[in-house]
Amino acid sequence: MTKEQFLSGTFFTIGNPRYKGACTFNYNSNPGCISKQSRSSIDERVVIDDYECNISKITKSGFEGFTHVMKKKVVVKYKFADLVEFKEVTLPC
């Protein structure tokens, strides 16, 4: 995935999804966070769209995010090259 795709809010997975209905993520520029989409294992539609972490820094090669778990700050760092674009499939009616 490219930085431009990330900034435009393209859905992605971290590495290749291992099963149908795996969670996806996307960048939300306002308020500057990563959202997590829990997807249906039947048709991969979004069932729950929820907050995952805040973004503290975006560089030309990746981003740094953080959240708090049980009063502890947890920091994650990912490179755009490690993010895999999620391609939504439209099923016929």
C-alpha atoms as a PDB file:
ATOM      1  CA  MET A   1       0.000   0.000   0.000  1.00  0.00           C
ATOM      2  CA  THR A   2       1.193   3.506  -0.702  1.00  0.00           C
ATOM      3  CA  LYS A   3       1.133   6.498   1.637  1.00  0.00           C
ATOM      4  CA  GLU A   4      -1.442   8.151  -0.644  1.00  0.00           C
ATOM      5  CA  GLN A   5      -3.766   5.137  -0.433  1.00  0.00           C
ATOM      6  CA  PHE A   6      -3.386   5.108   3.358  1.00  0.00           C
ATOM      7  CA  LEU A   7      -4.158   8.837   3.670  1.00  0.00           C
ATOM      8  CA  SER A   8      -7.211   8.525   1.399  1.00  0.00           C
ATOM      9  CA  GLY A   9      -8.795   5.994   3.761  1.00  0.00           C
ATOM     10  CA  THR A  10      -8.326   2.814   1.704  1.00  0.00           C
ATOM     11  CA  PHE A  11      -9.245  -0.319   3.681  1.00  0.00           C
ATOM     12  CA  PHE A  12      -6.276  -2.549   4.504  1.00  0.00           C
ATOM     13  CA  THR A  13      -5.160  -5.618   6.411  1.00  0.00           C
ATOM     14  CA  ILE A  14      -1.846  -6.145   8.135  1.00  0.00           C
ATOM     15  CA  GLY A  15      -0.263  -8.916   6.105  1.00  0.00           C
ATOM     16  CA  ASN A  16      -2.570 -11.248   4.187  1.00  0.00           C
ATOM     17  CA  PRO A  17      -5.923 -12.032   5.832  1.00  0.00           C
ATOM     18  CA  ARG A  18      -5.994 -15.643   6.983  1.00  0.00           C
ATOM     19  CA  TYR A  19      -9.735 -16.232   6.838  1.00  0.00           C
ATOM     20  CA  LYS A  20     -12.931 -14.864   5.314  1.00  0.00           C
ATOM     21  CA  GLY A  21     -14.363 -12.164   7.554  1.00  0.00           C
ATOM     22  CA  ALA A  22     -10.999 -11.056   8.951  1.00  0.00           C
ATOM     23  CA  CYS A  23     -10.882  -7.527  10.361  1.00  0.00           C
ATOM     24  CA  THR A  24      -9.810  -4.637   8.164  1.00  0.00           C
ATOM     25  CA  PHE A  25      -8.579  -1.168   9.070  1.00  0.00           C
ATOM     26  CA  ASN A  26      -8.544   2.309   7.560  1.00  0.00           C
ATOM     27  CA  TYR A  27      -7.175   5.755   8.362  1.00  0.00           C
ATOM     28  CA  ASN A  28      -9.681   8.406   9.409  1.00  0.00           C
ATOM     29  CA  SER A  29      -8.109  11.853   8.981  1.00  0.00           C
ATOM     30  CA  ASN A  30     -10.609  13.553  11.265  1.00  0.00           C
ATOM     31  CA  PRO A  31      -9.871  12.954  14.179  1.00  0.00           C
ATOM     32  CA  GLY A  32      -6.602  11.256  13.075  1.00  0.00           C
ATOM     33  CA  CYS A  33      -7.119   7.638  14.055  1.00  0.00           C
ATOM     34  CA  ILE A  34      -7.267   4.102  12.714  1.00  0.00           C
ATOM     35  CA  SER A  35     -10.731   2.518  12.537  1.00  0.00           C
ATOM     36  CA  LYS A  36     -11.246  -1.252  12.673  1.00  0.00           C
ATOM     37  CA  GLN A  37     -13.979  -2.979  10.679  1.00  0.00           C
ATOM     38  CA  SER A  38     -15.266  -6.329  11.933  1.00  0.00           C
ATOM     39  CA  ARG A  39     -16.564  -8.151   8.862  1.00  0.00           C
ATOM     40  CA  SER A  40     -19.106 -10.913   8.292  1.00  0.00           C
ATOM     41  CA  SER A  41     -17.636 -14.341   7.541  1.00  0.00           C
ATOM     42  CA  ILE A  42     -20.510 -14.933   5.104  1.00  0.00           C
ATOM     43  CA  ASP A  43     -20.291 -11.955   2.745  1.00  0.00           C
ATOM     44  CA  GLU A  44     -17.490  -9.801   4.252  1.00  0.00           C
ATOM     45  CA  ARG A  45     -19.781  -6.791   4.767  1.00  0.00           C
ATOM     46  CA  VAL A  46     -18.863  -4.485   7.651  1.00  0.00           C
ATOM     47  CA  VAL A  47     -20.752  -5.508  10.788  1.00  0.00           C
ATOM     48  CA  ILE A  48     -19.030  -3.207  13.309  1.00  0.00           C
ATOM     49  CA  ASP A  49     -16.901  -0.105  12.606  1.00  0.00           C
ATOM     50  CA  ASP A  50     -14.910   0.792  15.711  1.00  0.00           C
ATOM     51  CA  TYR A  51     -11.911   2.806  16.946  1.00  0.00           C
ATOM     52  CA  GLU A  52      -8.545   0.983  17.014  1.00  0.00           C
ATOM     53  CA  CYS A  53      -5.837   3.571  17.842  1.00  0.00           C
ATOM     54  CA  ASN A  54      -4.745   7.199  17.556  1.00  0.00           C
ATOM     55  CA  ILE A  55      -2.085   8.288  15.064  1.00  0.00           C
ATOM     56  CA  SER A  56       0.854  10.163  16.560  1.00  0.00           C
ATOM     57  CA  LYS A  57       3.131  10.377  13.510  1.00  0.00           C
ATOM     58  CA  ILE A  58       2.993   9.753   9.751  1.00  0.00           C
ATOM     59  CA  THR A  59       6.277   9.565   7.861  1.00  0.00           C
ATOM     60  CA  LYS A  60       7.037   8.950   4.194  1.00  0.00           C
ATOM     61  CA  SER A  61       7.457   5.212   4.854  1.00  0.00           C
ATOM     62  CA  GLY A  62       4.948   4.446   7.628  1.00  0.00           C
ATOM     63  CA  PHE A  63       3.024   5.560  10.686  1.00  0.00           C
ATOM     64  CA  GLU A  64       3.081   5.351  14.471  1.00  0.00           C
ATOM     65  CA  GLY A  65      -0.062   4.839  16.505  1.00  0.00           C
ATOM     66  CA  PHE A  66      -0.957   4.489  20.157  1.00  0.00           C
ATOM     67  CA  THR A  67      -3.772   3.523  22.467  1.00  0.00           C
ATOM     68  CA  HIS A  68      -4.158   2.818  26.166  1.00  0.00           C
ATOM     69  CA  VAL A  69      -4.771  -0.642  27.608  1.00  0.00           C
ATOM     70  CA  MET A  70      -5.343  -1.006  31.350  1.00  0.00           C
ATOM     71  CA  LYS A  71      -3.686   2.360  32.121  1.00  0.00           C
ATOM     72  CA  LYS A  72      -0.650   1.566  29.943  1.00  0.00           C
ATOM     73  CA  LYS A  73       0.212   3.345  26.695  1.00  0.00           C
ATOM     74  CA  VAL A  74       0.789   0.899  23.840  1.00  0.00           C
ATOM     75  CA  VAL A  75       2.699   2.154  20.780  1.00  0.00           C
ATOM     76  CA  VAL A  76       2.655   0.434  17.367  1.00  0.00           C
ATOM     77  CA  LYS A  77       4.691   1.210  14.250  1.00  0.00           C
ATOM     78  CA  TYR A  78       3.908  -0.030  10.737  1.00  0.00           C
ATOM     79  CA  LYS A  79       5.428   0.541   7.320  1.00  0.00           C
ATOM     80  CA  PHE A  80       3.077   1.203   4.419  1.00  0.00           C
ATOM     81  CA  ALA A  81       4.780  -1.673   2.557  1.00  0.00           C
ATOM     82  CA  ASP A  82       3.448  -4.107   5.221  1.00  0.00           C
ATOM     83  CA  LEU A  83      -0.176  -3.022   4.726  1.00  0.00           C
ATOM     84  CA  VAL A  84      -2.225  -4.944   2.161  1.00  0.00           C
ATOM     85  CA  GLU A  85      -5.081  -3.180   0.389  1.00  0.00           C
ATOM     86  CA  PHE A  86      -8.428  -4.894   1.022  1.00  0.00           C
ATOM     87  CA  LYS A  87     -10.450  -5.247  -2.159  1.00  0.00           C
ATOM     88  CA  GLU A  88     -14.166  -5.365  -1.501  1.00  0.00           C
ATOM     89  CA  VAL A  89     -16.115  -7.868  -3.575  1.00  0.00           C
ATOM     90  CA  THR A  90     -19.621  -6.961  -4.724  1.00  0.00           C
ATOM     91  CA  LEU A  91     -21.863 -10.010  -4.766  1.00  0.00           C
ATOM     92  CA  PRO A  92     -24.708 -10.231  -7.295  1.00  0.00           C
ATOM     93  CA  CYS A  93     -28.221  -9.948  -5.834  1.00  0.00           C
END
